[in-house]
Amino acid sequence: MAKSLLLVDDDAQILETAQDILEAAGFEVRVAGTGAAALDRLREQPCRVMVVDYNLPDTTGVELALQAQALCPSMVVLLMTGEADVELGPARGAIRAVLTKPVDPAALIEILRQNS
């Protein structure tokens, strides 16, 4: 059975490419382009791992991590960012790892296998 994850990014090309790569690696991937859509998906069907971009049109990945953890306390959150320095603040305990964009697909797959 495939391991389920939620991929959240407002860039449709990144979502499509990452979904293709991760599905080929055996993951069941659901996608969302906003924080609100991600929370809706989690309410519909919780998952073990969420990979979220830092900059979303309606929130930050840090804020989304806190909201998602409230819905799914045991979920692992991985944050992706193109920024050099990101302050996690109160989300430090909710975010397992910060990945710098562009994320190496092989490294992402390995991290997901370790955390799902």
PDB file of N, CA and C in Angstrom:
ATOM      1  N   MET A   1       0.829  -1.177   0.000  1.00  0.00           N
ATOM      2  CA  MET A   1       0.000   0.000   0.000  1.00  0.00           C
ATOM      3  C   MET A   1       0.879   1.248   0.000  1.00  0.00           C
ATOM      4  N   ALA A   2       0.517   2.230  -0.838  1.00  0.00           N
ATOM      5  CA  ALA A   2       1.304   3.448  -0.973  1.00  0.00           C
ATOM      6  C   ALA A   2       1.196   4.297   0.287  1.00  0.00           C
ATOM      7  N   LYS A   3       2.264   5.001   0.595  1.00  0.00           N
ATOM      8  CA  LYS A   3       2.267   5.912   1.731  1.00  0.00           C
ATOM      9  C   LYS A   3       1.683   7.248   1.271  1.00  0.00           C
ATOM     10  N   SER A   4       0.725   7.753   2.028  1.00  0.00           N
ATOM     11  CA  SER A   4      -0.004   8.954   1.646  1.00  0.00           C
ATOM     12  C   SER A   4       0.683  10.206   2.167  1.00  0.00           C
ATOM     13  N   LEU A   5       0.733  11.224   1.314  1.00  0.00           N
ATOM     14  CA  LEU A   5       1.273  12.507   1.735  1.00  0.00           C
ATOM     15  C   LEU A   5       0.513  13.624   1.057  1.00  0.00           C
ATOM     16  N   LEU A   6       0.577  14.799   1.655  1.00  0.00           N
ATOM     17  CA  LEU A   6      -0.029  16.002   1.108  1.00  0.00           C
ATOM     18  C   LEU A   6       1.092  16.944   0.717  1.00  0.00           C
ATOM     19  N   LEU A   7       1.075  17.381  -0.538  1.00  0.00           N
ATOM     20  CA  LEU A   7       2.071  18.308  -1.070  1.00  0.00           C
ATOM     21  C   LEU A   7       1.382  19.644  -1.283  1.00  0.00           C
ATOM     22  N   VAL A   8       1.918  20.715  -0.669  1.00  0.00           N
ATOM     23  CA  VAL A   8       1.280  22.031  -0.725  1.00  0.00           C
ATOM     24  C   VAL A   8       2.247  23.053  -1.303  1.00  0.00           C
ATOM     25  N   ASP A   9       1.878  23.619  -2.449  1.00  0.00           N
ATOM     26  CA  ASP A   9       2.700  24.643  -3.100  1.00  0.00           C
ATOM     27  C   ASP A   9       1.790  25.423  -4.033  1.00  0.00           C
ATOM     28  N   ASP A  10       2.001  26.730  -4.154  1.00  0.00           N
ATOM     29  CA  ASP A  10       1.159  27.527  -5.042  1.00  0.00           C
ATOM     30  C   ASP A  10       1.659  27.523  -6.479  1.00  0.00           C
ATOM     31  N   ASP A  11       2.774  26.886  -6.751  1.00  0.00           N
ATOM     32  CA  ASP A  11       3.315  26.782  -8.107  1.00  0.00           C
ATOM     33  C   ASP A  11       2.819  25.473  -8.735  1.00  0.00           C
ATOM     34  N   ALA A  12       1.913  25.587  -9.702  1.00  0.00           N
ATOM     35  CA  ALA A  12       1.298  24.406 -10.323  1.00  0.00           C
ATOM     36  C   ALA A  12       2.339  23.498 -10.976  1.00  0.00           C
ATOM     37  N   GLN A  13       3.382  24.067 -11.553  1.00  0.00           N
ATOM     38  CA  GLN A  13       4.421  23.259 -12.207  1.00  0.00           C
ATOM     39  C   GLN A  13       5.185  22.424 -11.183  1.00  0.00           C
ATOM     40  N   ILE A  14       5.504  23.020 -10.037  1.00  0.00           N
ATOM     41  CA  ILE A  14       6.189  22.276  -8.973  1.00  0.00           C
ATOM     42  C   ILE A  14       5.297  21.149  -8.475  1.00  0.00           C
ATOM     43  N   LEU A  15       4.006  21.448  -8.265  1.00  0.00           N
ATOM     44  CA  LEU A  15       3.077  20.419  -7.801  1.00  0.00           C
ATOM     45  C   LEU A  15       3.018  19.247  -8.772  1.00  0.00           C
ATOM     46  N   GLU A  16       2.867  19.557 -10.049  1.00  0.00           N
ATOM     47  CA  GLU A  16       2.739  18.502 -11.057  1.00  0.00           C
ATOM     48  C   GLU A  16       4.003  17.660 -11.155  1.00  0.00           C
ATOM     49  N   THR A  17       5.145  18.319 -11.214  1.00  0.00           N
ATOM     50  CA  THR A  17       6.415  17.599 -11.331  1.00  0.00           C
ATOM     51  C   THR A  17       6.687  16.749 -10.094  1.00  0.00           C
ATOM     52  N   ALA A  18       6.522  17.345  -8.928  1.00  0.00           N
ATOM     53  CA  ALA A  18       6.778  16.614  -7.681  1.00  0.00           C
ATOM     54  C   ALA A  18       5.793  15.453  -7.524  1.00  0.00           C
ATOM     55  N   GLN A  19       4.540  15.673  -7.884  1.00  0.00           N
ATOM     56  CA  GLN A  19       3.552  14.599  -7.787  1.00  0.00           C
ATOM     57  C   GLN A  19       3.960  13.426  -8.676  1.00  0.00           C
ATOM     58  N   ASP A  20       4.358  13.713  -9.899  1.00  0.00           N
ATOM     59  CA  ASP A  20       4.789  12.646 -10.818  1.00  0.00           C
ATOM     60  C   ASP A  20       5.974  11.865 -10.249  1.00  0.00           C
ATOM     61  N   ILE A  21       6.971  12.585  -9.742  1.00  0.00           N
ATOM     62  CA  ILE A  21       8.178  11.948  -9.208  1.00  0.00           C
ATOM     63  C   ILE A  21       7.848  11.099  -7.981  1.00  0.00           C
ATOM     64  N   LEU A  22       7.048  11.649  -7.081  1.00  0.00           N
ATOM     65  CA  LEU A  22       6.734  10.936  -5.844  1.00  0.00           C
ATOM     66  C   LEU A  22       5.807   9.748  -6.082  1.00  0.00           C
ATOM     67  N   GLU A  23       4.873   9.881  -6.997  1.00  0.00           N
ATOM     68  CA  GLU A  23       4.012   8.743  -7.320  1.00  0.00           C
ATOM     69  C   GLU A  23       4.817   7.619  -7.969  1.00  0.00           C
ATOM     70  N   ALA A  24       5.784   7.981  -8.813  1.00  0.00           N
ATOM     71  CA  ALA A  24       6.650   6.976  -9.423  1.00  0.00           C
ATOM     72  C   ALA A  24       7.483   6.251  -8.363  1.00  0.00           C
ATOM     73  N   ALA A  25       7.738   6.931  -7.231  1.00  0.00           N
ATOM     74  CA  ALA A  25       8.504   6.332  -6.131  1.00  0.00           C
ATOM     75  C   ALA A  25       7.609   5.544  -5.176  1.00  0.00           C
ATOM     76  N   GLY A  26       6.300   5.476  -5.482  1.00  0.00           N
ATOM     77  CA  GLY A  26       5.408   4.651  -4.677  1.00  0.00           C
ATOM     78  C   GLY A  26       4.554   5.376  -3.664  1.00  0.00           C
ATOM     79  N   PHE A  27       4.556   6.691  -3.679  1.00  0.00           N
ATOM     80  CA  PHE A  27       3.746   7.460  -2.738  1.00  0.00           C
ATOM     81  C   PHE A  27       2.390   7.799  -3.347  1.00  0.00           C
ATOM     82  N   GLU A  28       1.388   7.855  -2.483  1.00  0.00           N
ATOM     83  CA  GLU A  28       0.077   8.357  -2.874  1.00  0.00           C
ATOM     84  C   GLU A  28       0.086   9.841  -2.532  1.00  0.00           C
ATOM     85  N   VAL A  29      -0.017  10.696  -3.558  1.00  0.00           N
ATOM     86  CA  VAL A  29       0.168  12.130  -3.361  1.00  0.00           C
ATOM     87  C   VAL A  29      -1.140  12.888  -3.609  1.00  0.00           C
ATOM     88  N   ARG A  30      -1.528  13.669  -2.624  1.00  0.00           N
ATOM     89  CA  ARG A  30      -2.613  14.631  -2.791  1.00  0.00           C
ATOM     90  C   ARG A  30      -1.966  16.004  -2.803  1.00  0.00           C
ATOM     91  N   VAL A  31      -2.571  16.942  -3.517  1.00  0.00           N
ATOM     92  CA  VAL A  31      -1.968  18.266  -3.659  1.00  0.00           C
ATOM     93  C   VAL A  31      -2.947  19.355  -3.261  1.00  0.00           C
ATOM     94  N   ALA A  32      -2.368  20.496  -2.897  1.00  0.00           N
ATOM     95  CA  ALA A  32      -3.145  21.700  -2.584  1.00  0.00           C
ATOM     96  C   ALA A  32      -2.299  22.911  -2.955  1.00  0.00           C
ATOM     97  N   GLY A  33      -2.965  23.966  -3.427  1.00  0.00           N
ATOM     98  CA  GLY A  33      -2.255  25.175  -3.829  1.00  0.00           C
ATOM     99  C   GLY A  33      -2.319  26.310  -2.832  1.00  0.00           C
ATOM    100  N   THR A  34      -3.105  26.134  -1.769  1.00  0.00           N
ATOM    101  CA  THR A  34      -3.227  27.160  -0.727  1.00  0.00           C
ATOM    102  C   THR A  34      -3.292  26.483   0.640  1.00  0.00           C
ATOM    103  N   GLY A  35      -3.105  27.276   1.660  1.00  0.00           N
ATOM    104  CA  GLY A  35      -3.233  26.749   3.012  1.00  0.00           C
ATOM    105  C   GLY A  35      -4.645  26.284   3.305  1.00  0.00           C
ATOM    106  N   ALA A  36      -5.635  27.062   2.860  1.00  0.00           N
ATOM    107  CA  ALA A  36      -7.032  26.696   3.096  1.00  0.00           C
ATOM    108  C   ALA A  36      -7.367  25.366   2.421  1.00  0.00           C
ATOM    109  N   ALA A  37      -6.904  25.186   1.193  1.00  0.00           N
ATOM    110  CA  ALA A  37      -7.155  23.925   0.482  1.00  0.00           C
ATOM    111  C   ALA A  37      -6.465  22.762   1.193  1.00  0.00           C
ATOM    112  N   ALA A  38      -5.275  23.005   1.712  1.00  0.00           N
ATOM    113  CA  ALA A  38      -4.547  21.946   2.425  1.00  0.00           C
ATOM    114  C   ALA A  38      -5.317  21.516   3.671  1.00  0.00           C
ATOM    115  N   LEU A  39      -5.830  22.468   4.426  1.00  0.00           N
ATOM    116  CA  LEU A  39      -6.601  22.132   5.627  1.00  0.00           C
ATOM    117  C   LEU A  39      -7.871  21.372   5.260  1.00  0.00           C
ATOM    118  N   ASP A  40      -8.516  21.768   4.163  1.00  0.00           N
ATOM    119  CA  ASP A  40      -9.699  21.034   3.694  1.00  0.00           C
ATOM    120  C   ASP A  40      -9.343  19.588   3.377  1.00  0.00           C
ATOM    121  N   ARG A  41      -8.216  19.381   2.684  1.00  0.00           N
ATOM    122  CA  ARG A  41      -7.798  18.023   2.329  1.00  0.00           C
ATOM    123  C   ARG A  41      -7.513  17.188   3.589  1.00  0.00           C
ATOM    124  N   LEU A  42      -6.895  17.824   4.586  1.00  0.00           N
ATOM    125  CA  LEU A  42      -6.585  17.114   5.828  1.00  0.00           C
ATOM    126  C   LEU A  42      -7.856  16.772   6.610  1.00  0.00           C
ATOM    127  N   ARG A  43      -8.838  17.646   6.557  1.00  0.00           N
ATOM    128  CA  ARG A  43     -10.112  17.340   7.221  1.00  0.00           C
ATOM    129  C   ARG A  43     -10.821  16.172   6.534  1.00  0.00           C
ATOM    130  N   GLU A  44     -10.714  16.128   5.191  1.00  0.00           N
ATOM    131  CA  GLU A  44     -11.329  15.041   4.417  1.00  0.00           C
ATOM    132  C   GLU A  44     -10.636  13.717   4.678  1.00  0.00           C
ATOM    133  N   GLN A  45      -9.304  13.760   4.675  1.00  0.00           N
ATOM    134  CA  GLN A  45      -8.517  12.535   4.819  1.00  0.00           C
ATOM    135  C   GLN A  45      -7.146  12.884   5.411  1.00  0.00           C
ATOM    136  N   PRO A  46      -6.942  12.613   6.693  1.00  0.00           N
ATOM    137  CA  PRO A  46      -5.633  12.882   7.306  1.00  0.00           C
ATOM    138  C   PRO A  46      -4.534  12.076   6.601  1.00  0.00           C
ATOM    139  N   CYS A  47      -3.324  12.557   6.717  1.00  0.00           N
ATOM    140  CA  CYS A  47      -2.194  11.825   6.141  1.00  0.00           C
ATOM    141  C   CYS A  47      -1.029  11.837   7.126  1.00  0.00           C
ATOM    142  N   ARG A  48      -0.048  11.036   6.847  1.00  0.00           N
ATOM    143  CA  ARG A  48       1.103  10.886   7.743  1.00  0.00           C
ATOM    144  C   ARG A  48       2.124  12.012   7.570  1.00  0.00           C
ATOM    145  N   VAL A  49       2.249  12.534   6.328  1.00  0.00           N
ATOM    146  CA  VAL A  49       3.279  13.534   6.033  1.00  0.00           C
ATOM    147  C   VAL A  49       2.685  14.660   5.175  1.00  0.00           C
ATOM    148  N   MET A  50       3.094  15.891   5.489  1.00  0.00           N
ATOM    149  CA  MET A  50       2.761  17.045   4.654  1.00  0.00           C
ATOM    150  C   MET A  50       4.059  17.739   4.277  1.00  0.00           C
ATOM    151  N   VAL A  51       4.228  17.993   2.991  1.00  0.00           N
ATOM    152  CA  VAL A  51       5.371  18.752   2.488  1.00  0.00           C
ATOM    153  C   VAL A  51       4.793  20.089   2.023  1.00  0.00           C
ATOM    154  N   VAL A  52       5.232  21.173   2.640  1.00  0.00           N
ATOM    155  CA  VAL A  52       4.605  22.478   2.402  1.00  0.00           C
ATOM    156  C   VAL A  52       5.629  23.546   2.057  1.00  0.00           C
ATOM    157  N   ASP A  53       5.276  24.368   1.086  1.00  0.00           N
ATOM    158  CA  ASP A  53       6.104  25.509   0.713  1.00  0.00           C
ATOM    159  C   ASP A  53       5.975  26.595   1.781  1.00  0.00           C
ATOM    160  N   TYR A  54       7.011  27.361   1.985  1.00  0.00           N
ATOM    161  CA  TYR A  54       6.977  28.430   2.986  1.00  0.00           C
ATOM    162  C   TYR A  54       6.025  29.552   2.583  1.00  0.00           C
ATOM    163  N   ASN A  55       6.106  29.983   1.321  1.00  0.00           N
ATOM    164  CA  ASN A  55       5.285  31.102   0.850  1.00  0.00           C
ATOM    165  C   ASN A  55       4.061  30.592   0.109  1.00  0.00           C
ATOM    166  N   LEU A  56       2.903  30.794   0.702  1.00  0.00           N
ATOM    167  CA  LEU A  56       1.629  30.441   0.081  1.00  0.00           C
ATOM    168  C   LEU A  56       0.808  31.720  -0.063  1.00  0.00           C
ATOM    169  N   PRO A  57      -0.153  31.734  -0.971  1.00  0.00           N
ATOM    170  CA  PRO A  57      -0.898  32.975  -1.201  1.00  0.00           C
ATOM    171  C   PRO A  57      -1.736  33.433  -0.006  1.00  0.00           C
ATOM    172  N   ASP A  58      -2.161  32.505   0.854  1.00  0.00           N
ATOM    173  CA  ASP A  58      -3.048  32.868   1.948  1.00  0.00           C
ATOM    174  C   ASP A  58      -2.456  32.687   3.345  1.00  0.00           C
ATOM    175  N   THR A  59      -1.242  32.169   3.432  1.00  0.00           N
ATOM    176  CA  THR A  59      -0.610  31.943   4.727  1.00  0.00           C
ATOM    177  C   THR A  59       0.864  31.610   4.499  1.00  0.00           C
ATOM    178  N   THR A  60       1.551  31.321   5.577  1.00  0.00           N
ATOM    179  CA  THR A  60       2.920  30.812   5.437  1.00  0.00           C
ATOM    180  C   THR A  60       2.918  29.329   5.769  1.00  0.00           C
ATOM    181  N   GLY A  61       3.928  28.636   5.314  1.00  0.00           N
ATOM    182  CA  GLY A  61       4.065  27.222   5.641  1.00  0.00           C
ATOM    183  C   GLY A  61       4.206  27.005   7.137  1.00  0.00           C
ATOM    184  N   VAL A  62       4.784  27.962   7.827  1.00  0.00           N
ATOM    185  CA  VAL A  62       4.951  27.864   9.273  1.00  0.00           C
ATOM    186  C   VAL A  62       3.586  27.896   9.960  1.00  0.00           C
ATOM    187  N   GLU A  63       2.755  28.860   9.582  1.00  0.00           N
ATOM    188  CA  GLU A  63       1.415  28.953  10.163  1.00  0.00           C
ATOM    189  C   GLU A  63       0.585  27.727   9.794  1.00  0.00           C
ATOM    190  N   LEU A  64       0.694  27.276   8.553  1.00  0.00           N
ATOM    191  CA  LEU A  64      -0.046  26.089   8.123  1.00  0.00           C
ATOM    192  C   LEU A  64       0.398  24.864   8.909  1.00  0.00           C
ATOM    193  N   ALA A  65       1.674  24.749   9.195  1.00  0.00           N
ATOM    194  CA  ALA A  65       2.175  23.616   9.981  1.00  0.00           C
ATOM    195  C   ALA A  65       1.500  23.568  11.347  1.00  0.00           C
ATOM    196  N   LEU A  66       1.346  24.721  11.990  1.00  0.00           N
ATOM    197  CA  LEU A  66       0.690  24.772  13.301  1.00  0.00           C
ATOM    198  C   LEU A  66      -0.781  24.369  13.201  1.00  0.00           C
ATOM    199  N   GLN A  67      -1.471  24.882  12.192  1.00  0.00           N
ATOM    200  CA  GLN A  67      -2.887  24.554  12.014  1.00  0.00           C
ATOM    201  C   GLN A  67      -3.061  23.079  11.661  1.00  0.00           C
ATOM    202  N   ALA A  68      -2.183  22.552  10.818  1.00  0.00           N
ATOM    203  CA  ALA A  68      -2.267  21.154  10.404  1.00  0.00           C
ATOM    204  C   ALA A  68      -1.978  20.218  11.571  1.00  0.00           C
ATOM    205  N   GLN A  69      -1.043  20.583  12.417  1.00  0.00           N
ATOM    206  CA  GLN A  69      -0.722  19.766  13.584  1.00  0.00           C
ATOM    207  C   GLN A  69      -1.895  19.707  14.557  1.00  0.00           C
ATOM    208  N   ALA A  70      -2.677  20.775  14.623  1.00  0.00           N
ATOM    209  CA  ALA A  70      -3.859  20.770  15.481  1.00  0.00           C
ATOM    210  C   ALA A  70      -4.883  19.751  14.966  1.00  0.00           C
ATOM    211  N   LEU A  71      -4.961  19.589  13.644  1.00  0.00           N
ATOM    212  CA  LEU A  71      -5.878  18.616  13.044  1.00  0.00           C
ATOM    213  C   LEU A  71      -5.329  17.196  13.099  1.00  0.00           C
ATOM    214  N   CYS A  72      -4.031  17.071  12.862  1.00  0.00           N
ATOM    215  CA  CYS A  72      -3.379  15.755  12.761  1.00  0.00           C
ATOM    216  C   CYS A  72      -2.109  15.781  13.613  1.00  0.00           C
ATOM    217  N   PRO A  73      -2.233  15.594  14.935  1.00  0.00           N
ATOM    218  CA  PRO A  73      -1.090  15.757  15.843  1.00  0.00           C
ATOM    219  C   PRO A  73       0.129  14.884  15.538  1.00  0.00           C
ATOM    220  N   SER A  74      -0.053  13.721  14.952  1.00  0.00           N
ATOM    221  CA  SER A  74       1.092  12.847  14.700  1.00  0.00           C
ATOM    222  C   SER A  74       1.696  13.032  13.301  1.00  0.00           C
ATOM    223  N   MET A  75       1.163  13.973  12.520  1.00  0.00           N
ATOM    224  CA  MET A  75       1.646  14.185  11.162  1.00  0.00           C
ATOM    225  C   MET A  75       3.040  14.814  11.157  1.00  0.00           C
ATOM    226  N   VAL A  76       3.870  14.350  10.244  1.00  0.00           N
ATOM    227  CA  VAL A  76       5.207  14.908  10.033  1.00  0.00           C
ATOM    228  C   VAL A  76       5.083  16.034   9.006  1.00  0.00           C
ATOM    229  N   VAL A  77       5.652  17.200   9.304  1.00  0.00           N
ATOM    230  CA  VAL A  77       5.618  18.329   8.381  1.00  0.00           C
ATOM    231  C   VAL A  77       7.047  18.636   7.933  1.00  0.00           C
ATOM    232  N   LEU A  78       7.212  18.700   6.607  1.00  0.00           N
ATOM    233  CA  LEU A  78       8.474  19.106   6.005  1.00  0.00           C
ATOM    234  C   LEU A  78       8.234  20.435   5.307  1.00  0.00           C
ATOM    235  N   LEU A  79       9.055  21.431   5.573  1.00  0.00           N
ATOM    236  CA  LEU A  79       8.899  22.768   5.008  1.00  0.00           C
ATOM    237  C   LEU A  79       9.903  22.967   3.887  1.00  0.00           C
ATOM    238  N   MET A  80       9.428  23.447   2.729  1.00  0.00           N
ATOM    239  CA  MET A  80      10.310  23.783   1.612  1.00  0.00           C
ATOM    240  C   MET A  80      10.383  25.301   1.499  1.00  0.00           C
ATOM    241  N   THR A  81      11.566  25.810   1.228  1.00  0.00           N
ATOM    242  CA  THR A  81      11.712  27.252   1.083  1.00  0.00           C
ATOM    243  C   THR A  81      12.876  27.601   0.165  1.00  0.00           C
ATOM    244  N   GLY A  82      12.707  28.711  -0.533  1.00  0.00           N
ATOM    245  CA  GLY A  82      13.787  29.251  -1.341  1.00  0.00           C
ATOM    246  C   GLY A  82      14.534  30.341  -0.603  1.00  0.00           C
ATOM    247  N   GLU A  83      14.102  30.638   0.612  1.00  0.00           N
ATOM    248  CA  GLU A  83      14.714  31.691   1.415  1.00  0.00           C
ATOM    249  C   GLU A  83      15.874  31.134   2.230  1.00  0.00           C
ATOM    250  N   ALA A  84      16.883  31.972   2.414  1.00  0.00           N
ATOM    251  CA  ALA A  84      18.082  31.523   3.117  1.00  0.00           C
ATOM    252  C   ALA A  84      17.839  31.278   4.593  1.00  0.00           C
ATOM    253  N   ASP A  85      16.997  32.107   5.212  1.00  0.00           N
ATOM    254  CA  ASP A  85      16.788  31.997   6.650  1.00  0.00           C
ATOM    255  C   ASP A  85      15.302  32.101   6.949  1.00  0.00           C
ATOM    256  N   VAL A  86      14.762  31.087   7.589  1.00  0.00           N
ATOM    257  CA  VAL A  86      13.349  31.054   7.927  1.00  0.00           C
ATOM    258  C   VAL A  86      13.213  30.902   9.436  1.00  0.00           C
ATOM    259  N   GLU A  87      12.433  31.774  10.039  1.00  0.00           N
ATOM    260  CA  GLU A  87      12.183  31.700  11.476  1.00  0.00           C
ATOM    261  C   GLU A  87      10.975  30.809  11.718  1.00  0.00           C
ATOM    262  N   LEU A  88      11.191  29.693  12.414  1.00  0.00           N
ATOM    263  CA  LEU A  88      10.118  28.742  12.667  1.00  0.00           C
ATOM    264  C   LEU A  88       9.275  29.130  13.871  1.00  0.00           C
ATOM    265  N   GLY A  89       9.855  29.865  14.796  1.00  0.00           N
ATOM    266  CA  GLY A  89       9.119  30.319  15.967  1.00  0.00           C
ATOM    267  C   GLY A  89       8.396  29.180  16.667  1.00  0.00           C
ATOM    268  N   PRO A  90       7.096  29.370  16.950  1.00  0.00           N
ATOM    269  CA  PRO A  90       6.349  28.352  17.685  1.00  0.00           C
ATOM    270  C   PRO A  90       6.124  27.057  16.894  1.00  0.00           C
ATOM    271  N   ALA A  91       6.410  27.076  15.601  1.00  0.00           N
ATOM    272  CA  ALA A  91       6.226  25.873  14.774  1.00  0.00           C
ATOM    273  C   ALA A  91       7.458  24.962  14.792  1.00  0.00           C
ATOM    274  N   ARG A  92       8.479  25.350  15.534  1.00  0.00           N
ATOM    275  CA  ARG A  92       9.723  24.560  15.571  1.00  0.00           C
ATOM    276  C   ARG A  92       9.448  23.094  15.903  1.00  0.00           C
ATOM    277  N   GLY A  93       8.541  22.837  16.831  1.00  0.00           N
ATOM    278  CA  GLY A  93       8.220  21.463  17.197  1.00  0.00           C
ATOM    279  C   GLY A  93       7.349  20.753  16.172  1.00  0.00           C
ATOM    280  N   ALA A  94       6.633  21.514  15.341  1.00  0.00           N
ATOM    281  CA  ALA A  94       5.730  20.926  14.349  1.00  0.00           C
ATOM    282  C   ALA A  94       6.449  20.576  13.051  1.00  0.00           C
ATOM    283  N   ILE A  95       7.563  21.242  12.771  1.00  0.00           N
ATOM    284  CA  ILE A  95       8.260  21.047  11.493  1.00  0.00           C
ATOM    285  C   ILE A  95       9.473  20.151  11.703  1.00  0.00           C
ATOM    286  N   ARG A  96       9.459  18.994  11.048  1.00  0.00           N
ATOM    287  CA  ARG A  96      10.534  18.007  11.210  1.00  0.00           C
ATOM    288  C   ARG A  96      11.822  18.436  10.507  1.00  0.00           C
ATOM    289  N   ALA A  97      11.686  19.039   9.298  1.00  0.00           N
ATOM    290  CA  ALA A  97      12.880  19.431   8.546  1.00  0.00           C
ATOM    291  C   ALA A  97      12.549  20.597   7.629  1.00  0.00           C
ATOM    292  N   VAL A  98      13.576  21.414   7.342  1.00  0.00           N
ATOM    293  CA  VAL A  98      13.455  22.511   6.384  1.00  0.00           C
ATOM    294  C   VAL A  98      14.317  22.139   5.186  1.00  0.00           C
ATOM    295  N   LEU A  99      13.689  22.099   4.017  1.00  0.00           N
ATOM    296  CA  LEU A  99      14.362  21.725   2.777  1.00  0.00           C
ATOM    297  C   LEU A  99      14.517  22.965   1.912  1.00  0.00           C
ATOM    298  N   THR A 100      15.712  23.187   1.387  1.00  0.00           N
ATOM    299  CA  THR A 100      15.977  24.353   0.557  1.00  0.00           C
ATOM    300  C   THR A 100      15.654  24.043  -0.899  1.00  0.00           C
ATOM    301  N   LYS A 101      14.878  24.943  -1.514  1.00  0.00           N
ATOM    302  CA  LYS A 101      14.541  24.808  -2.933  1.00  0.00           C
ATOM    303  C   LYS A 101      15.721  25.268  -3.769  1.00  0.00           C
ATOM    304  N   PRO A 102      15.960  24.679  -4.903  1.00  0.00           N
ATOM    305  CA  PRO A 102      15.234  23.532  -5.441  1.00  0.00           C
ATOM    306  C   PRO A 102      15.603  22.265  -4.668  1.00  0.00           C
ATOM    307  N   VAL A 103      14.575  21.502  -4.310  1.00  0.00           N
ATOM    308  CA  VAL A 103      14.767  20.289  -3.531  1.00  0.00           C
ATOM    309  C   VAL A 103      15.177  19.152  -4.464  1.00  0.00           C
ATOM    310  N   ASP A 104      16.249  18.471  -4.099  1.00  0.00           N
ATOM    311  CA  ASP A 104      16.717  17.318  -4.870  1.00  0.00           C
ATOM    312  C   ASP A 104      15.689  16.197  -4.724  1.00  0.00           C
ATOM    313  N   PRO A 105      15.119  15.703  -5.829  1.00  0.00           N
ATOM    314  CA  PRO A 105      14.089  14.662  -5.737  1.00  0.00           C
ATOM    315  C   PRO A 105      14.534  13.421  -4.967  1.00  0.00           C
ATOM    316  N   ALA A 106      15.759  12.966  -5.185  1.00  0.00           N
ATOM    317  CA  ALA A 106      16.246  11.770  -4.480  1.00  0.00           C
ATOM    318  C   ALA A 106      16.329  12.019  -2.980  1.00  0.00           C
ATOM    319  N   ALA A 107      16.766  13.200  -2.587  1.00  0.00           N
ATOM    320  CA  ALA A 107      16.854  13.537  -1.167  1.00  0.00           C
ATOM    321  C   ALA A 107      15.457  13.623  -0.549  1.00  0.00           C
ATOM    322  N   LEU A 108      14.510  14.198  -1.284  1.00  0.00           N
ATOM    323  CA  LEU A 108      13.140  14.288  -0.787  1.00  0.00           C
ATOM    324  C   LEU A 108      12.541  12.900  -0.602  1.00  0.00           C
ATOM    325  N   ILE A 109      12.727  12.043  -1.569  1.00  0.00           N
ATOM    326  CA  ILE A 109      12.209  10.669  -1.470  1.00  0.00           C
ATOM    327  C   ILE A 109      12.801   9.965  -0.256  1.00  0.00           C
ATOM    328  N   GLU A 110      14.089  10.123  -0.031  1.00  0.00           N
ATOM    329  CA  GLU A 110      14.738   9.486   1.114  1.00  0.00           C
ATOM    330  C   GLU A 110      14.166  10.013   2.430  1.00  0.00           C
ATOM    331  N   ILE A 111      13.997  11.321   2.535  1.00  0.00           N
ATOM    332  CA  ILE A 111      13.429  11.915   3.756  1.00  0.00           C
ATOM    333  C   ILE A 111      12.003  11.425   3.965  1.00  0.00           C
ATOM    334  N   LEU A 112      11.230  11.346   2.885  1.00  0.00           N
ATOM    335  CA  LEU A 112       9.852  10.867   3.001  1.00  0.00           C
ATOM    336  C   LEU A 112       9.798   9.407   3.429  1.00  0.00           C
ATOM    337  N   ARG A 113      10.684   8.599   2.912  1.00  0.00           N
ATOM    338  CA  ARG A 113      10.718   7.185   3.309  1.00  0.00           C
ATOM    339  C   ARG A 113      11.083   7.048   4.789  1.00  0.00           C
ATOM    340  N   GLN A 114      11.948   7.895   5.269  1.00  0.00           N
ATOM    341  CA  GLN A 114      12.352   7.847   6.670  1.00  0.00           C
ATOM    342  C   GLN A 114      11.242   8.322   7.605  1.00  0.00           C
ATOM    343  N   ASN A 115      10.349   9.173   7.087  1.00  0.00           N
ATOM    344  CA  ASN A 115       9.348   9.812   7.947  1.00  0.00           C
ATOM    345  C   ASN A 115       7.912   9.397   7.672  1.00  0.00           C
ATOM    346  N   SER A 116       7.704   8.392   6.849  1.00  0.00           N
ATOM    347  CA  SER A 116       6.323   7.988   6.587  1.00  0.00           C
ATOM    348  C   SER A 116       6.055   6.562   7.022  1.00  0.00           C
TER     349      SER A 116
END
